[in-house]
Amino acid sequence: QAKTLECRLPLEQRIPSIFLPRKQVSYSDHEAVTARLRVDRKDEIASSGDSVLNFARQRSLQPSTERKQCVESAVVLINNALAATRTDQILYIVMLLIFILILGASFTEH
């Protein structure tokens, strides 16, 4: 069981927005959050005498079809991203070669 004890924005100071009058924006493009949580063990875990670490370790050793499906779908996503990156890389190399040819042709005499 978890309970939020405190939650705040550490970068509370804002700067005026140039594009939105009367609007304040953060200094950063990522909004930071500071939180203090209180985490208590559930009764079943606490009464068994096992530590949370042992409980997590035992749980991770159990076979999980959901975990396997998650990893398999992540591998598919990564492979698709790698294929797209290879395609983009080839496209940019071809565009660079064309640009170099055009640039070189502009310096030759006619």
C-alpha atoms as a PDB file:
ATOM      1  CA  GLN A   1       0.000   0.000   0.000  1.00  0.00           C
ATOM      2  CA  ALA A   2       1.392   3.418  -0.954  1.00  0.00           C
ATOM      3  CA  LYS A   3       0.440   6.886   0.227  1.00  0.00           C
ATOM      4  CA  THR A   4       1.599  10.232  -1.148  1.00  0.00           C
ATOM      5  CA  LEU A   5       3.027  12.368   1.645  1.00  0.00           C
ATOM      6  CA  GLU A   6       4.169  15.286  -0.476  1.00  0.00           C
ATOM      7  CA  CYS A   7       4.101  16.200  -4.152  1.00  0.00           C
ATOM      8  CA  ARG A   8       5.409  19.446  -5.648  1.00  0.00           C
ATOM      9  CA  LEU A   9       7.166  21.031  -8.610  1.00  0.00           C
ATOM     10  CA  PRO A  10      10.821  21.762  -7.723  1.00  0.00           C
ATOM     11  CA  LEU A  11      11.123  24.428 -10.424  1.00  0.00           C
ATOM     12  CA  GLU A  12       8.310  26.602  -9.139  1.00  0.00           C
ATOM     13  CA  GLN A  13       9.727  29.801 -10.587  1.00  0.00           C
ATOM     14  CA  ARG A  14       8.358  30.456 -14.036  1.00  0.00           C
ATOM     15  CA  ILE A  15       9.293  32.774 -16.855  1.00  0.00           C
ATOM     16  CA  PRO A  16       6.832  34.790 -18.945  1.00  0.00           C
ATOM     17  CA  SER A  17       5.840  33.213 -22.231  1.00  0.00           C
ATOM     18  CA  ILE A  18       6.660  35.257 -25.315  1.00  0.00           C
ATOM     19  CA  PHE A  19       3.998  33.556 -27.411  1.00  0.00           C
ATOM     20  CA  LEU A  20       1.176  33.443 -24.856  1.00  0.00           C
ATOM     21  CA  PRO A  21       0.611  36.747 -23.060  1.00  0.00           C
ATOM     22  CA  ARG A  22      -0.176  36.504 -19.323  1.00  0.00           C
ATOM     23  CA  LYS A  23       1.019  32.868 -19.322  1.00  0.00           C
ATOM     24  CA  GLN A  24       3.960  31.528 -17.311  1.00  0.00           C
ATOM     25  CA  VAL A  25       6.099  28.614 -18.548  1.00  0.00           C
ATOM     26  CA  SER A  26       8.722  26.378 -16.967  1.00  0.00           C
ATOM     27  CA  TYR A  27      12.445  26.931 -17.461  1.00  0.00           C
ATOM     28  CA  SER A  28      12.728  23.384 -18.736  1.00  0.00           C
ATOM     29  CA  ASP A  29      11.045  21.452 -21.536  1.00  0.00           C
ATOM     30  CA  HIS A  30      10.535  18.597 -19.035  1.00  0.00           C
ATOM     31  CA  GLU A  31       8.392  19.235 -15.977  1.00  0.00           C
ATOM     32  CA  ALA A  32      10.078  17.825 -12.896  1.00  0.00           C
ATOM     33  CA  VAL A  33       8.068  16.467  -9.983  1.00  0.00           C
ATOM     34  CA  THR A  34       9.288  15.810  -6.465  1.00  0.00           C
ATOM     35  CA  ALA A  35       7.293  13.306  -4.455  1.00  0.00           C
ATOM     36  CA  ARG A  36       7.596  11.689  -1.057  1.00  0.00           C
ATOM     37  CA  LEU A  37       5.813   8.369  -0.749  1.00  0.00           C
ATOM     38  CA  ARG A  38       5.138   6.066   2.147  1.00  0.00           C
ATOM     39  CA  VAL A  39       5.075   2.413   1.156  1.00  0.00           C
ATOM     40  CA  ASP A  40       3.769  -0.173   3.616  1.00  0.00           C
ATOM     41  CA  ARG A  41       3.814  -3.916   3.205  1.00  0.00           C
ATOM     42  CA  LYS A  42       0.530  -5.746   2.908  1.00  0.00           C
ATOM     43  CA  ASP A  43      -0.483  -7.953   5.821  1.00  0.00           C
ATOM     44  CA  GLU A  44       0.049 -11.202   3.903  1.00  0.00           C
ATOM     45  CA  ILE A  45       3.673 -10.389   3.161  1.00  0.00           C
ATOM     46  CA  ALA A  46       4.457  -8.937   6.579  1.00  0.00           C
ATOM     47  CA  SER A  47       2.930 -11.871   8.472  1.00  0.00           C
ATOM     48  CA  SER A  48       4.796 -14.484   6.447  1.00  0.00           C
ATOM     49  CA  GLY A  49       8.148 -13.192   7.689  1.00  0.00           C
ATOM     50  CA  ASP A  50       9.533 -12.770   4.150  1.00  0.00           C
ATOM     51  CA  SER A  51      11.091  -9.517   3.150  1.00  0.00           C
ATOM     52  CA  VAL A  52       9.745  -7.588   0.210  1.00  0.00           C
ATOM     53  CA  LEU A  53      12.945  -8.414  -1.667  1.00  0.00           C
ATOM     54  CA  ASN A  54      12.438 -12.146  -1.200  1.00  0.00           C
ATOM     55  CA  PHE A  55       8.810 -11.814  -2.243  1.00  0.00           C
ATOM     56  CA  ALA A  56       9.821  -9.960  -5.431  1.00  0.00           C
ATOM     57  CA  ARG A  57      12.548 -12.526  -6.142  1.00  0.00           C
ATOM     58  CA  GLN A  58      10.134 -15.448  -5.741  1.00  0.00           C
ATOM     59  CA  ARG A  59       7.568 -13.699  -7.916  1.00  0.00           C
ATOM     60  CA  SER A  60      10.121 -13.095 -10.681  1.00  0.00           C
ATOM     61  CA  LEU A  61      11.035 -16.791 -10.757  1.00  0.00           C
ATOM     62  CA  GLN A  62       7.449 -17.825 -11.499  1.00  0.00           C
ATOM     63  CA  PRO A  63       6.711 -18.318 -15.203  1.00  0.00           C
ATOM     64  CA  SER A  64       4.598 -15.570 -16.664  1.00  0.00           C
ATOM     65  CA  THR A  65       2.943 -15.701 -20.072  1.00  0.00           C
ATOM     66  CA  GLU A  66       2.185 -11.982 -19.841  1.00  0.00           C
ATOM     67  CA  ARG A  67       5.861 -11.187 -19.327  1.00  0.00           C
ATOM     68  CA  LYS A  68       6.824 -13.399 -22.283  1.00  0.00           C
ATOM     69  CA  GLN A  69       4.231 -11.736 -24.527  1.00  0.00           C
ATOM     70  CA  CYS A  70       5.434  -8.312 -23.426  1.00  0.00           C
ATOM     71  CA  VAL A  71       9.054  -9.144 -24.251  1.00  0.00           C
ATOM     72  CA  GLU A  72       8.076 -10.659 -27.600  1.00  0.00           C
ATOM     73  CA  SER A  73       6.075  -7.570 -28.592  1.00  0.00           C
ATOM     74  CA  ALA A  74       8.979  -5.349 -27.470  1.00  0.00           C
ATOM     75  CA  VAL A  75      11.362  -7.326 -29.699  1.00  0.00           C
ATOM     76  CA  VAL A  76       8.993  -6.870 -32.650  1.00  0.00           C
ATOM     77  CA  LEU A  77       8.834  -3.104 -31.999  1.00  0.00           C
ATOM     78  CA  ILE A  78      12.615  -2.855 -31.762  1.00  0.00           C
ATOM     79  CA  ASN A  79      13.113  -4.851 -34.976  1.00  0.00           C
ATOM     80  CA  ASN A  80      10.621  -2.616 -36.805  1.00  0.00           C
ATOM     81  CA  ALA A  81      12.408   0.481 -35.525  1.00  0.00           C
ATOM     82  CA  LEU A  82      15.774  -0.911 -36.652  1.00  0.00           C
ATOM     83  CA  ALA A  83      14.397  -1.650 -40.127  1.00  0.00           C
ATOM     84  CA  ALA A  84      12.984   1.884 -40.371  1.00  0.00           C
ATOM     85  CA  THR A  85      16.327   3.305 -39.249  1.00  0.00           C
ATOM     86  CA  ARG A  86      18.171   1.322 -41.940  1.00  0.00           C
ATOM     87  CA  THR A  87      15.754   2.583 -44.597  1.00  0.00           C
ATOM     88  CA  ASP A  88      16.162   6.184 -43.413  1.00  0.00           C
ATOM     89  CA  GLN A  89      19.928   5.793 -43.385  1.00  0.00           C
ATOM     90  CA  ILE A  90      19.982   4.620 -47.008  1.00  0.00           C
ATOM     91  CA  LEU A  91      17.652   7.451 -48.037  1.00  0.00           C
ATOM     92  CA  TYR A  92      19.860  10.088 -46.384  1.00  0.00           C
ATOM     93  CA  ILE A  93      23.009   8.656 -47.971  1.00  0.00           C
ATOM     94  CA  VAL A  94      21.394   8.778 -51.431  1.00  0.00           C
ATOM     95  CA  MET A  95      20.219  12.360 -50.821  1.00  0.00           C
ATOM     96  CA  LEU A  96      23.724  13.326 -49.652  1.00  0.00           C
ATOM     97  CA  LEU A  97      25.310  11.859 -52.790  1.00  0.00           C
ATOM     98  CA  ILE A  98      22.838  13.716 -55.009  1.00  0.00           C
ATOM     99  CA  PHE A  99      23.539  16.948 -53.126  1.00  0.00           C
ATOM    100  CA  ILE A 100      27.309  16.466 -53.496  1.00  0.00           C
ATOM    101  CA  LEU A 101      26.886  15.845 -57.248  1.00  0.00           C
ATOM    102  CA  ILE A 102      24.764  18.989 -57.634  1.00  0.00           C
ATOM    103  CA  LEU A 103      27.214  21.020 -55.545  1.00  0.00           C
ATOM    104  CA  GLY A 104      30.172  19.706 -57.552  1.00  0.00           C
ATOM    105  CA  ALA A 105      28.384  20.434 -60.836  1.00  0.00           C
ATOM    106  CA  SER A 106      27.793  24.023 -59.786  1.00  0.00           C
ATOM    107  CA  PHE A 107      31.561  24.639 -59.592  1.00  0.00           C
ATOM    108  CA  THR A 108      32.382  23.214 -63.028  1.00  0.00           C
ATOM    109  CA  GLU A 109      32.672  25.475 -66.052  1.00  0.00           C
ATOM    110  CA  HIS A 110      30.168  25.110 -68.833  1.00  0.00           C
END
